[in-house]
Amino acid sequence: MLDLGSGLGVDSFIACEYAGPTGKVVGLDISKMEIKHAENRAQERGLNMKFVCADMENIPLPDEMIDVVISNGAFCLAPNKEKAFREIFRVLKPGGRMSICTSTVKMDL
């Protein structure tokens, strides 16, 4: 499982519970400080997961490696969403799934 925009790792930790002892979770975020914090939290919990500092428009994983991609709120921050989607489809295995939750609010200022 790949968590795009993992931040401090909250959704990654939840996903790790669903992945079970044989599953693997990778959290990806552009913030080095948040990755470091998430890695420390995962190590303290003894979880089978890793975090990488990278941009979702250039995911440093091999083709067809991931069964599930999630992103909770970070996808709206990708400047080039088309490129980010291409990267998601590249790393997903055939038949893989993705779930992206993002919201925008339009306000008159």
PDB file of N, CA and C in Angstrom:
ATOM      1  N   MET A   1       0.829  -1.160   0.000  1.00  0.00           N
ATOM      2  CA  MET A   1       0.000   0.000   0.000  1.00  0.00           C
ATOM      3  C   MET A   1       0.881   1.233   0.000  1.00  0.00           C
ATOM      4  N   LEU A   2       0.481   2.248  -0.731  1.00  0.00           N
ATOM      5  CA  LEU A   2       1.216   3.501  -0.823  1.00  0.00           C
ATOM      6  C   LEU A   2       0.299   4.630  -0.375  1.00  0.00           C
ATOM      7  N   ASP A   3       0.758   5.411   0.600  1.00  0.00           N
ATOM      8  CA  ASP A   3       0.026   6.569   1.107  1.00  0.00           C
ATOM      9  C   ASP A   3       0.709   7.825   0.598  1.00  0.00           C
ATOM     10  N   LEU A   4       0.075   8.502  -0.374  1.00  0.00           N
ATOM     11  CA  LEU A   4       0.641   9.727  -0.953  1.00  0.00           C
ATOM     12  C   LEU A   4       0.294  10.919  -0.080  1.00  0.00           C
ATOM     13  N   GLY A   5       1.299  11.697   0.271  1.00  0.00           N
ATOM     14  CA  GLY A   5       1.087  12.824   1.167  1.00  0.00           C
ATOM     15  C   GLY A   5       0.864  12.332   2.584  1.00  0.00           C
ATOM     16  N   SER A   6       1.696  11.401   3.011  1.00  0.00           N
ATOM     17  CA  SER A   6       1.491  10.709   4.291  1.00  0.00           C
ATOM     18  C   SER A   6       1.666  11.600   5.511  1.00  0.00           C
ATOM     19  N   GLY A   7       2.365  12.706   5.365  1.00  0.00           N
ATOM     20  CA  GLY A   7       2.535  13.607   6.507  1.00  0.00           C
ATOM     21  C   GLY A   7       3.152  12.909   7.698  1.00  0.00           C
ATOM     22  N   LEU A   8       2.514  13.034   8.850  1.00  0.00           N
ATOM     23  CA  LEU A   8       3.019  12.425  10.092  1.00  0.00           C
ATOM     24  C   LEU A   8       2.703  10.943  10.184  1.00  0.00           C
ATOM     25  N   GLY A   9       2.002  10.397   9.193  1.00  0.00           N
ATOM     26  CA  GLY A   9       1.805   8.956   9.118  1.00  0.00           C
ATOM     27  C   GLY A   9       0.508   8.404   9.661  1.00  0.00           C
ATOM     28  N   VAL A  10      -0.435   9.249  10.044  1.00  0.00           N
ATOM     29  CA  VAL A  10      -1.669   8.767  10.669  1.00  0.00           C
ATOM     30  C   VAL A  10      -2.398   7.750   9.788  1.00  0.00           C
ATOM     31  N   ASP A  11      -2.667   8.094   8.535  1.00  0.00           N
ATOM     32  CA  ASP A  11      -3.370   7.162   7.647  1.00  0.00           C
ATOM     33  C   ASP A  11      -2.511   5.942   7.326  1.00  0.00           C
ATOM     34  N   SER A  12      -1.215   6.125   7.265  1.00  0.00           N
ATOM     35  CA  SER A  12      -0.311   4.992   7.022  1.00  0.00           C
ATOM     36  C   SER A  12      -0.388   3.987   8.166  1.00  0.00           C
ATOM     37  N   PHE A  13      -0.458   4.483   9.402  1.00  0.00           N
ATOM     38  CA  PHE A  13      -0.546   3.585  10.553  1.00  0.00           C
ATOM     39  C   PHE A  13      -1.862   2.811  10.537  1.00  0.00           C
ATOM     40  N   ILE A  14      -2.943   3.483  10.177  1.00  0.00           N
ATOM     41  CA  ILE A  14      -4.237   2.806  10.064  1.00  0.00           C
ATOM     42  C   ILE A  14      -4.168   1.748   8.966  1.00  0.00           C
ATOM     43  N   ALA A  15      -3.595   2.098   7.826  1.00  0.00           N
ATOM     44  CA  ALA A  15      -3.467   1.158   6.705  1.00  0.00           C
ATOM     45  C   ALA A  15      -2.625  -0.044   7.091  1.00  0.00           C
ATOM     46  N   CYS A  16      -1.623   0.176   7.924  1.00  0.00           N
ATOM     47  CA  CYS A  16      -0.750  -0.914   8.356  1.00  0.00           C
ATOM     48  C   CYS A  16      -1.553  -1.973   9.120  1.00  0.00           C
ATOM     49  N   GLU A  17      -2.520  -1.536   9.891  1.00  0.00           N
ATOM     50  CA  GLU A  17      -3.392  -2.484  10.602  1.00  0.00           C
ATOM     51  C   GLU A  17      -4.168  -3.350   9.616  1.00  0.00           C
ATOM     52  N   TYR A  18      -4.670  -2.738   8.543  1.00  0.00           N
ATOM     53  CA  TYR A  18      -5.424  -3.483   7.532  1.00  0.00           C
ATOM     54  C   TYR A  18      -4.522  -4.379   6.694  1.00  0.00           C
ATOM     55  N   ALA A  19      -3.295  -3.953   6.464  1.00  0.00           N
ATOM     56  CA  ALA A  19      -2.361  -4.741   5.653  1.00  0.00           C
ATOM     57  C   ALA A  19      -1.951  -6.027   6.368  1.00  0.00           C
ATOM     58  N   GLY A  20      -1.996  -6.001   7.679  1.00  0.00           N
ATOM     59  CA  GLY A  20      -1.658  -7.194   8.450  1.00  0.00           C
ATOM     60  C   GLY A  20      -0.163  -7.459   8.479  1.00  0.00           C
ATOM     61  N   PRO A  21       0.214  -8.575   9.094  1.00  0.00           N
ATOM     62  CA  PRO A  21       1.642  -8.864   9.297  1.00  0.00           C
ATOM     63  C   PRO A  21       2.417  -9.157   8.008  1.00  0.00           C
ATOM     64  N   THR A  22       1.725  -9.545   6.947  1.00  0.00           N
ATOM     65  CA  THR A  22       2.433  -9.854   5.703  1.00  0.00           C
ATOM     66  C   THR A  22       2.394  -8.699   4.713  1.00  0.00           C
ATOM     67  N   GLY A  23       1.590  -7.671   5.000  1.00  0.00           N
ATOM     68  CA  GLY A  23       1.486  -6.523   4.110  1.00  0.00           C
ATOM     69  C   GLY A  23       2.576  -5.509   4.384  1.00  0.00           C
ATOM     70  N   LYS A  24       2.744  -4.593   3.463  1.00  0.00           N
ATOM     71  CA  LYS A  24       3.762  -3.546   3.594  1.00  0.00           C
ATOM     72  C   LYS A  24       3.125  -2.212   3.219  1.00  0.00           C
ATOM     73  N   VAL A  25       3.437  -1.188   4.005  1.00  0.00           N
ATOM     74  CA  VAL A  25       2.928   0.151   3.748  1.00  0.00           C
ATOM     75  C   VAL A  25       4.105   1.094   3.524  1.00  0.00           C
ATOM     76  N   VAL A  26       3.962   1.929   2.497  1.00  0.00           N
ATOM     77  CA  VAL A  26       4.953   2.959   2.206  1.00  0.00           C
ATOM     78  C   VAL A  26       4.242   4.304   2.270  1.00  0.00           C
ATOM     79  N   GLY A  27       4.752   5.197   3.102  1.00  0.00           N
ATOM     80  CA  GLY A  27       4.245   6.560   3.160  1.00  0.00           C
ATOM     81  C   GLY A  27       5.173   7.470   2.372  1.00  0.00           C
ATOM     82  N   LEU A  28       4.610   8.341   1.567  1.00  0.00           N
ATOM     83  CA  LEU A  28       5.406   9.252   0.753  1.00  0.00           C
ATOM     84  C   LEU A  28       4.961  10.677   1.049  1.00  0.00           C
ATOM     85  N   ASP A  29       5.919  11.541   1.346  1.00  0.00           N
ATOM     86  CA  ASP A  29       5.610  12.939   1.598  1.00  0.00           C
ATOM     87  C   ASP A  29       6.785  13.787   1.141  1.00  0.00           C
ATOM     88  N   ILE A  30       6.511  15.044   0.844  1.00  0.00           N
ATOM     89  CA  ILE A  30       7.549  15.951   0.356  1.00  0.00           C
ATOM     90  C   ILE A  30       8.296  16.633   1.514  1.00  0.00           C
ATOM     91  N   SER A  31       7.765  16.536   2.734  1.00  0.00           N
ATOM     92  CA  SER A  31       8.363  17.190   3.893  1.00  0.00           C
ATOM     93  C   SER A  31       9.324  16.254   4.634  1.00  0.00           C
ATOM     94  N   LYS A  32      10.604  16.595   4.628  1.00  0.00           N
ATOM     95  CA  LYS A  32      11.606  15.778   5.317  1.00  0.00           C
ATOM     96  C   LYS A  32      11.327  15.688   6.815  1.00  0.00           C
ATOM     97  N   MET A  33      10.876  16.786   7.410  1.00  0.00           N
ATOM     98  CA  MET A  33      10.611  16.783   8.848  1.00  0.00           C
ATOM     99  C   MET A  33       9.453  15.853   9.201  1.00  0.00           C
ATOM    100  N   GLU A  34       8.407  15.856   8.389  1.00  0.00           N
ATOM    101  CA  GLU A  34       7.270  14.982   8.665  1.00  0.00           C
ATOM    102  C   GLU A  34       7.636  13.521   8.437  1.00  0.00           C
ATOM    103  N   ILE A  35       8.449  13.241   7.428  1.00  0.00           N
ATOM    104  CA  ILE A  35       8.910  11.872   7.189  1.00  0.00           C
ATOM    105  C   ILE A  35       9.724  11.384   8.383  1.00  0.00           C
ATOM    106  N   LYS A  36      10.615  12.198   8.876  1.00  0.00           N
ATOM    107  CA  LYS A  36      11.442  11.813  10.027  1.00  0.00           C
ATOM    108  C   LYS A  36      10.563  11.522  11.246  1.00  0.00           C
ATOM    109  N   HIS A  37       9.578  12.365  11.486  1.00  0.00           N
ATOM    110  CA  HIS A  37       8.668  12.164  12.611  1.00  0.00           C
ATOM    111  C   HIS A  37       7.880  10.864  12.440  1.00  0.00           C
ATOM    112  N   ALA A  38       7.356  10.629  11.235  1.00  0.00           N
ATOM    113  CA  ALA A  38       6.579   9.414  10.966  1.00  0.00           C
ATOM    114  C   ALA A  38       7.450   8.163  11.114  1.00  0.00           C
ATOM    115  N   GLU A  39       8.693   8.219  10.629  1.00  0.00           N
ATOM    116  CA  GLU A  39       9.608   7.076  10.775  1.00  0.00           C
ATOM    117  C   GLU A  39       9.847   6.751  12.244  1.00  0.00           C
ATOM    118  N   ASN A  40      10.054   7.778  13.062  1.00  0.00           N
ATOM    119  CA  ASN A  40      10.264   7.564  14.495  1.00  0.00           C
ATOM    120  C   ASN A  40       9.044   6.930  15.142  1.00  0.00           C
ATOM    121  N   ARG A  41       7.861   7.406  14.788  1.00  0.00           N
ATOM    122  CA  ARG A  41       6.629   6.850  15.349  1.00  0.00           C
ATOM    123  C   ARG A  41       6.438   5.398  14.929  1.00  0.00           C
ATOM    124  N   ALA A  42       6.737   5.088  13.666  1.00  0.00           N
ATOM    125  CA  ALA A  42       6.593   3.711  13.177  1.00  0.00           C
ATOM    126  C   ALA A  42       7.577   2.783  13.885  1.00  0.00           C
ATOM    127  N   GLN A  43       8.806   3.248  14.072  1.00  0.00           N
ATOM    128  CA  GLN A  43       9.824   2.444  14.748  1.00  0.00           C
ATOM    129  C   GLN A  43       9.420   2.178  16.202  1.00  0.00           C
ATOM    130  N   GLU A  44       8.898   3.196  16.876  1.00  0.00           N
ATOM    131  CA  GLU A  44       8.440   3.021  18.262  1.00  0.00           C
ATOM    132  C   GLU A  44       7.341   1.982  18.360  1.00  0.00           C
ATOM    133  N   ARG A  45       6.508   1.879  17.327  1.00  0.00           N
ATOM    134  CA  ARG A  45       5.388   0.935  17.314  1.00  0.00           C
ATOM    135  C   ARG A  45       5.780  -0.429  16.750  1.00  0.00           C
ATOM    136  N   GLY A  46       6.979  -0.541  16.195  1.00  0.00           N
ATOM    137  CA  GLY A  46       7.421  -1.802  15.611  1.00  0.00           C
ATOM    138  C   GLY A  46       6.636  -2.196  14.371  1.00  0.00           C
ATOM    139  N   LEU A  47       6.235  -1.210  13.570  1.00  0.00           N
ATOM    140  CA  LEU A  47       5.407  -1.481  12.400  1.00  0.00           C
ATOM    141  C   LEU A  47       6.250  -1.776  11.163  1.00  0.00           C
ATOM    142  N   ASN A  48       5.715  -2.641  10.288  1.00  0.00           N
ATOM    143  CA  ASN A  48       6.360  -3.023   9.046  1.00  0.00           C
ATOM    144  C   ASN A  48       5.994  -2.003   7.966  1.00  0.00           C
ATOM    145  N   MET A  49       6.693  -0.877   8.007  1.00  0.00           N
ATOM    146  CA  MET A  49       6.411   0.169   7.039  1.00  0.00           C
ATOM    147  C   MET A  49       7.641   1.038   6.856  1.00  0.00           C
ATOM    148  N   LYS A  50       7.620   1.814   5.780  1.00  0.00           N
ATOM    149  CA  LYS A  50       8.708   2.760   5.576  1.00  0.00           C
ATOM    150  C   LYS A  50       8.127   4.053   5.032  1.00  0.00           C
ATOM    151  N   PHE A  51       8.890   5.109   5.180  1.00  0.00           N
ATOM    152  CA  PHE A  51       8.490   6.423   4.692  1.00  0.00           C
ATOM    153  C   PHE A  51       9.594   6.951   3.789  1.00  0.00           C
ATOM    154  N   VAL A  52       9.180   7.564   2.683  1.00  0.00           N
ATOM    155  CA  VAL A  52      10.145   8.145   1.754  1.00  0.00           C
ATOM    156  C   VAL A  52       9.798   9.603   1.490  1.00  0.00           C
ATOM    157  N   CYS A  53      10.833  10.410   1.380  1.00  0.00           N
ATOM    158  CA  CYS A  53      10.659  11.819   1.069  1.00  0.00           C
ATOM    159  C   CYS A  53      10.753  11.976  -0.449  1.00  0.00           C
ATOM    160  N   ALA A  54       9.621  12.314  -1.060  1.00  0.00           N
ATOM    161  CA  ALA A  54       9.582  12.446  -2.515  1.00  0.00           C
ATOM    162  C   ALA A  54       8.315  13.184  -2.914  1.00  0.00           C
ATOM    163  N   ASP A  55       8.248  13.523  -4.181  1.00  0.00           N
ATOM    164  CA  ASP A  55       7.112  14.210  -4.761  1.00  0.00           C
ATOM    165  C   ASP A  55       6.211  13.173  -5.438  1.00  0.00           C
ATOM    166  N   MET A  56       4.905  13.300  -5.272  1.00  0.00           N
ATOM    167  CA  MET A  56       3.989  12.331  -5.879  1.00  0.00           C
ATOM    168  C   MET A  56       3.985  12.410  -7.402  1.00  0.00           C
ATOM    169  N   GLU A  57       4.596  13.440  -7.957  1.00  0.00           N
ATOM    170  CA  GLU A  57       4.723  13.528  -9.407  1.00  0.00           C
ATOM    171  C   GLU A  57       5.955  12.774  -9.910  1.00  0.00           C
ATOM    172  N   ASN A  58       6.746  12.243  -9.003  1.00  0.00           N
ATOM    173  CA  ASN A  58       7.946  11.474  -9.350  1.00  0.00           C
ATOM    174  C   ASN A  58       8.168  10.432  -8.243  1.00  0.00           C
ATOM    175  N   ILE A  59       7.349   9.404  -8.236  1.00  0.00           N
ATOM    176  CA  ILE A  59       7.362   8.389  -7.178  1.00  0.00           C
ATOM    177  C   ILE A  59       8.558   7.462  -7.372  1.00  0.00           C
ATOM    178  N   PRO A  60       9.453   7.375  -6.375  1.00  0.00           N
ATOM    179  CA  PRO A  60      10.668   6.568  -6.520  1.00  0.00           C
ATOM    180  C   PRO A  60      10.448   5.082  -6.208  1.00  0.00           C
ATOM    181  N   LEU A  61       9.486   4.476  -6.889  1.00  0.00           N
ATOM    182  CA  LEU A  61       9.190   3.054  -6.717  1.00  0.00           C
ATOM    183  C   LEU A  61       9.141   2.398  -8.090  1.00  0.00           C
ATOM    184  N   PRO A  62       9.407   1.097  -8.133  1.00  0.00           N
ATOM    185  CA  PRO A  62       9.354   0.380  -9.422  1.00  0.00           C
ATOM    186  C   PRO A  62       7.929   0.316  -9.989  1.00  0.00           C
ATOM    187  N   ASP A  63       7.845   0.071 -11.279  1.00  0.00           N
ATOM    188  CA  ASP A  63       6.561  -0.132 -11.948  1.00  0.00           C
ATOM    189  C   ASP A  63       5.831  -1.320 -11.323  1.00  0.00           C
ATOM    190  N   GLU A  64       4.500  -1.214 -11.275  1.00  0.00           N
ATOM    191  CA  GLU A  64       3.616  -2.310 -10.880  1.00  0.00           C
ATOM    192  C   GLU A  64       4.020  -2.965  -9.566  1.00  0.00           C
ATOM    193  N   MET A  65       4.316  -2.155  -8.558  1.00  0.00           N
ATOM    194  CA  MET A  65       4.749  -2.667  -7.261  1.00  0.00           C
ATOM    195  C   MET A  65       3.641  -2.615  -6.207  1.00  0.00           C
ATOM    196  N   ILE A  66       2.659  -1.751  -6.393  1.00  0.00           N
ATOM    197  CA  ILE A  66       1.708  -1.399  -5.342  1.00  0.00           C
ATOM    198  C   ILE A  66       0.313  -1.949  -5.652  1.00  0.00           C
ATOM    199  N   ASP A  67      -0.340  -2.505  -4.625  1.00  0.00           N
ATOM    200  CA  ASP A  67      -1.716  -2.998  -4.770  1.00  0.00           C
ATOM    201  C   ASP A  67      -2.756  -1.893  -4.569  1.00  0.00           C
ATOM    202  N   VAL A  68      -2.487  -0.987  -3.621  1.00  0.00           N
ATOM    203  CA  VAL A  68      -3.447   0.057  -3.262  1.00  0.00           C
ATOM    204  C   VAL A  68      -2.712   1.373  -3.044  1.00  0.00           C
ATOM    205  N   VAL A  69      -3.257   2.458  -3.597  1.00  0.00           N
ATOM    206  CA  VAL A  69      -2.744   3.811  -3.365  1.00  0.00           C
ATOM    207  C   VAL A  69      -3.849   4.612  -2.683  1.00  0.00           C
ATOM    208  N   ILE A  70      -3.479   5.301  -1.598  1.00  0.00           N
ATOM    209  CA  ILE A  70      -4.420   6.202  -0.945  1.00  0.00           C
ATOM    210  C   ILE A  70      -3.792   7.586  -0.851  1.00  0.00           C
ATOM    211  N   SER A  71      -4.643   8.588  -0.771  1.00  0.00           N
ATOM    212  CA  SER A  71      -4.193   9.946  -0.516  1.00  0.00           C
ATOM    213  C   SER A  71      -5.341  10.681   0.156  1.00  0.00           C
ATOM    214  N   ASN A  72      -5.071  11.203   1.321  1.00  0.00           N
ATOM    215  CA  ASN A  72      -6.102  11.887   2.095  1.00  0.00           C
ATOM    216  C   ASN A  72      -5.746  13.365   2.239  1.00  0.00           C
ATOM    217  N   GLY A  73      -6.228  14.165   1.299  1.00  0.00           N
ATOM    218  CA  GLY A  73      -6.071  15.605   1.399  1.00  0.00           C
ATOM    219  C   GLY A  73      -4.853  16.193   0.731  1.00  0.00           C
ATOM    220  N   ALA A  74      -3.894  15.396   0.340  1.00  0.00           N
ATOM    221  CA  ALA A  74      -2.656  15.947  -0.221  1.00  0.00           C
ATOM    222  C   ALA A  74      -2.697  16.098  -1.731  1.00  0.00           C
ATOM    223  N   PHE A  75      -3.548  15.342  -2.399  1.00  0.00           N
ATOM    224  CA  PHE A  75      -3.537  15.335  -3.861  1.00  0.00           C
ATOM    225  C   PHE A  75      -3.872  16.704  -4.442  1.00  0.00           C
ATOM    226  N   CYS A  76      -4.676  17.471  -3.739  1.00  0.00           N
ATOM    227  CA  CYS A  76      -5.036  18.800  -4.255  1.00  0.00           C
ATOM    228  C   CYS A  76      -3.822  19.731  -4.291  1.00  0.00           C
ATOM    229  N   LEU A  77      -2.745  19.380  -3.597  1.00  0.00           N
ATOM    230  CA  LEU A  77      -1.539  20.204  -3.575  1.00  0.00           C
ATOM    231  C   LEU A  77      -0.582  19.894  -4.723  1.00  0.00           C
ATOM    232  N   ALA A  78      -0.839  18.832  -5.477  1.00  0.00           N
ATOM    233  CA  ALA A  78       0.022  18.478  -6.608  1.00  0.00           C
ATOM    234  C   ALA A  78      -0.171  19.504  -7.723  1.00  0.00           C
ATOM    235  N   PRO A  79       0.894  20.215  -8.110  1.00  0.00           N
ATOM    236  CA  PRO A  79       0.753  21.206  -9.188  1.00  0.00           C
ATOM    237  C   PRO A  79       0.337  20.581 -10.519  1.00  0.00           C
ATOM    238  N   ASN A  80       0.866  19.384 -10.821  1.00  0.00           N
ATOM    239  CA  ASN A  80       0.570  18.723 -12.087  1.00  0.00           C
ATOM    240  C   ASN A  80      -0.150  17.413 -11.788  1.00  0.00           C
ATOM    241  N   LYS A  81      -1.464  17.481 -11.666  1.00  0.00           N
ATOM    242  CA  LYS A  81      -2.260  16.311 -11.295  1.00  0.00           C
ATOM    243  C   LYS A  81      -2.197  15.207 -12.353  1.00  0.00           C
ATOM    244  N   GLU A  82      -2.119  15.603 -13.615  1.00  0.00           N
ATOM    245  CA  GLU A  82      -2.013  14.603 -14.682  1.00  0.00           C
ATOM    246  C   GLU A  82      -0.740  13.772 -14.500  1.00  0.00           C
ATOM    247  N   LYS A  83       0.367  14.424 -14.210  1.00  0.00           N
ATOM    248  CA  LYS A  83       1.626  13.718 -13.995  1.00  0.00           C
ATOM    249  C   LYS A  83       1.540  12.826 -12.750  1.00  0.00           C
ATOM    250  N   ALA A  84       0.902  13.332 -11.702  1.00  0.00           N
ATOM    251  CA  ALA A  84       0.740  12.536 -10.480  1.00  0.00           C
ATOM    252  C   ALA A  84      -0.105  11.290 -10.758  1.00  0.00           C
ATOM    253  N   PHE A  85      -1.184  11.429 -11.526  1.00  0.00           N
ATOM    254  CA  PHE A  85      -1.999  10.267 -11.878  1.00  0.00           C
ATOM    255  C   PHE A  85      -1.212   9.267 -12.715  1.00  0.00           C
ATOM    256  N   ARG A  86      -0.399   9.763 -13.653  1.00  0.00           N
ATOM    257  CA  ARG A  86       0.431   8.846 -14.455  1.00  0.00           C
ATOM    258  C   ARG A  86       1.354   8.039 -13.549  1.00  0.00           C
ATOM    259  N   GLU A  87       1.935   8.698 -12.546  1.00  0.00           N
ATOM    260  CA  GLU A  87       2.818   8.003 -11.609  1.00  0.00           C
ATOM    261  C   GLU A  87       2.052   6.969 -10.785  1.00  0.00           C
ATOM    262  N   ILE A  88       0.852   7.309 -10.362  1.00  0.00           N
ATOM    263  CA  ILE A  88       0.036   6.350  -9.613  1.00  0.00           C
ATOM    264  C   ILE A  88      -0.220   5.114 -10.465  1.00  0.00           C
ATOM    265  N   PHE A  89      -0.674   5.319 -11.690  1.00  0.00           N
ATOM    266  CA  PHE A  89      -0.965   4.175 -12.561  1.00  0.00           C
ATOM    267  C   PHE A  89       0.298   3.385 -12.899  1.00  0.00           C
ATOM    268  N   ARG A  90       1.430   4.034 -12.933  1.00  0.00           N
ATOM    269  CA  ARG A  90       2.693   3.341 -13.211  1.00  0.00           C
ATOM    270  C   ARG A  90       3.066   2.396 -12.069  1.00  0.00           C
ATOM    271  N   VAL A  91       2.912   2.850 -10.820  1.00  0.00           N
ATOM    272  CA  VAL A  91       3.334   2.012  -9.688  1.00  0.00           C
ATOM    273  C   VAL A  91       2.284   0.988  -9.281  1.00  0.00           C
ATOM    274  N   LEU A  92       1.017   1.190  -9.707  1.00  0.00           N
ATOM    275  CA  LEU A  92      -0.029   0.222  -9.371  1.00  0.00           C
ATOM    276  C   LEU A  92       0.130  -1.069 -10.174  1.00  0.00           C
ATOM    277  N   LYS A  93      -0.102  -2.180  -9.494  1.00  0.00           N
ATOM    278  CA  LYS A  93      -0.163  -3.467 -10.186  1.00  0.00           C
ATOM    279  C   LYS A  93      -1.433  -3.509 -11.033  1.00  0.00           C
ATOM    280  N   PRO A  94      -1.458  -4.347 -12.069  1.00  0.00           N
ATOM    281  CA  PRO A  94      -2.700  -4.511 -12.829  1.00  0.00           C
ATOM    282  C   PRO A  94      -3.819  -4.930 -11.870  1.00  0.00           C
ATOM    283  N   GLY A  95      -4.956  -4.270 -11.971  1.00  0.00           N
ATOM    284  CA  GLY A  95      -6.072  -4.557 -11.074  1.00  0.00           C
ATOM    285  C   GLY A  95      -5.973  -3.847  -9.733  1.00  0.00           C
ATOM    286  N   GLY A  96      -4.897  -3.051  -9.549  1.00  0.00           N
ATOM    287  CA  GLY A  96      -4.725  -2.317  -8.303  1.00  0.00           C
ATOM    288  C   GLY A  96      -5.804  -1.265  -8.125  1.00  0.00           C
ATOM    289  N   ARG A  97      -5.908  -0.781  -6.902  1.00  0.00           N
ATOM    290  CA  ARG A  97      -6.963   0.188  -6.589  1.00  0.00           C
ATOM    291  C   ARG A  97      -6.365   1.462  -6.012  1.00  0.00           C
ATOM    292  N   MET A  98      -7.135   2.550  -6.121  1.00  0.00           N
ATOM    293  CA  MET A  98      -6.720   3.793  -5.487  1.00  0.00           C
ATOM    294  C   MET A  98      -7.940   4.480  -4.894  1.00  0.00           C
ATOM    295  N   SER A  99      -7.676   5.231  -3.837  1.00  0.00           N
ATOM    296  CA  SER A  99      -8.711   6.022  -3.192  1.00  0.00           C
ATOM    297  C   SER A  99      -8.102   7.376  -2.845  1.00  0.00           C
ATOM    298  N   ILE A 100      -8.660   8.418  -3.449  1.00  0.00           N
ATOM    299  CA  ILE A 100      -8.150   9.768  -3.228  1.00  0.00           C
ATOM    300  C   ILE A 100      -9.277  10.604  -2.642  1.00  0.00           C
ATOM    301  N   CYS A 101      -9.025  11.172  -1.485  1.00  0.00           N
ATOM    302  CA  CYS A 101      -9.986  12.046  -0.827  1.00  0.00           C
ATOM    303  C   CYS A 101      -9.390  13.441  -0.781  1.00  0.00           C
ATOM    304  N   THR A 102     -10.036  14.379  -1.433  1.00  0.00           N
ATOM    305  CA  THR A 102      -9.545  15.747  -1.417  1.00  0.00           C
ATOM    306  C   THR A 102     -10.719  16.692  -1.576  1.00  0.00           C
ATOM    307  N   SER A 103     -10.630  17.817  -0.965  1.00  0.00           N
ATOM    308  CA  SER A 103     -11.721  18.804  -1.013  1.00  0.00           C
ATOM    309  C   SER A 103     -11.150  20.177  -1.332  1.00  0.00           C
ATOM    310  N   THR A 104     -11.911  20.938  -2.029  1.00  0.00           N
ATOM    311  CA  THR A 104     -11.568  22.335  -2.253  1.00  0.00           C
ATOM    312  C   THR A 104     -12.802  23.170  -1.928  1.00  0.00           C
ATOM    313  N   VAL A 105     -12.568  24.361  -1.497  1.00  0.00           N
ATOM    314  CA  VAL A 105     -13.653  25.269  -1.177  1.00  0.00           C
ATOM    315  C   VAL A 105     -13.439  26.546  -1.981  1.00  0.00           C
ATOM    316  N   LYS A 106     -14.457  26.977  -2.669  1.00  0.00           N
ATOM    317  CA  LYS A 106     -14.376  28.198  -3.456  1.00  0.00           C
ATOM    318  C   LYS A 106     -15.127  29.285  -2.694  1.00  0.00           C
ATOM    319  N   MET A 107     -14.403  30.352  -2.405  1.00  0.00           N
ATOM    320  CA  MET A 107     -15.006  31.453  -1.632  1.00  0.00           C
ATOM    321  C   MET A 107     -14.804  32.765  -2.374  1.00  0.00           C
ATOM    322  N   ASP A 108     -15.793  33.635  -2.287  1.00  0.00           N
ATOM    323  CA  ASP A 108     -15.628  34.990  -2.792  1.00  0.00           C
ATOM    324  C   ASP A 108     -14.898  35.795  -1.728  1.00  0.00           C
ATOM    325  N   LEU A 109     -13.808  36.425  -2.093  1.00  0.00           N
ATOM    326  CA  LEU A 109     -13.050  37.219  -1.128  1.00  0.00           C
ATOM    327  C   LEU A 109     -13.199  38.691  -1.400  1.00  0.00           C
TER     328      LEU A 109
END
